[in-house]
Amino acid sequence: MKLLIVSLVSLWMGGFIGVAAMCLFQINRGRGTERKTNERKE
């Protein structure tokens, strides 16, 4: 029973870290495209 809880927690943590990393990547990519469009307009 203890092993099951530990494995579930580790899977949940892994999923949470993965989602957070994807969100950060999307934000960084979004900022990059915004900078490019602003430079083109100028």
Protein backbone atom coordinates (compact mmCIF):
# COMPACT_ATOMS: atom_id res chain seq x y z
CA MET A 1 0.00 0.00 0.00
CA LYS A 2 2.83 2.40 0.88
CA LEU A 3 4.59 1.67 -2.43
CA LEU A 4 1.39 2.49 -4.35
CA ILE A 5 1.07 5.88 -2.61
CA VAL A 6 4.74 6.70 -3.26
CA SER A 7 4.42 5.79 -6.96
CA LEU A 8 1.22 7.86 -7.33
CA VAL A 9 2.87 10.88 -5.67
CA SER A 10 5.96 10.59 -7.88
CA LEU A 11 3.78 10.31 -11.01
CA TRP A 12 1.73 13.35 -9.91
CA MET A 13 4.89 15.37 -9.22
CA GLY A 14 6.32 14.37 -12.61
CA GLY A 15 3.13 15.43 -14.36
CA PHE A 16 3.02 18.73 -12.47
CA ILE A 17 6.66 19.51 -13.35
CA GLY A 18 5.99 18.59 -16.99
CA VAL A 19 2.96 20.90 -17.19
CA ALA A 20 4.87 23.75 -15.51
CA ALA A 21 7.79 23.30 -17.95
CA MET A 22 5.42 23.32 -20.94
CA CYS A 23 3.73 26.52 -19.67
CA LEU A 24 7.11 28.24 -19.23
CA PHE A 25 8.19 27.12 -22.73
CA GLN A 26 4.95 28.47 -24.26
CA ILE A 27 5.34 31.82 -22.43
CA ASN A 28 8.99 32.16 -23.53
CA ARG A 29 8.10 31.27 -27.13
CA GLY A 30 5.20 33.76 -27.02
CA ARG A 31 7.51 36.53 -25.81
CA GLY A 32 9.99 35.68 -28.56
CA THR A 33 7.35 35.98 -31.30
CA GLU A 34 6.08 39.25 -29.78
CA ARG A 35 9.59 40.73 -29.91
CA LYS A 36 9.98 39.65 -33.54
CA THR A 37 6.66 41.22 -34.59
CA ASN A 38 7.49 44.45 -32.73
CA GLU A 39 10.86 44.66 -34.49
CA ARG A 40 9.21 44.11 -37.88
CA LYS A 41 6.64 46.87 -37.22
CA GLU A 42 9.37 49.35 -36.31
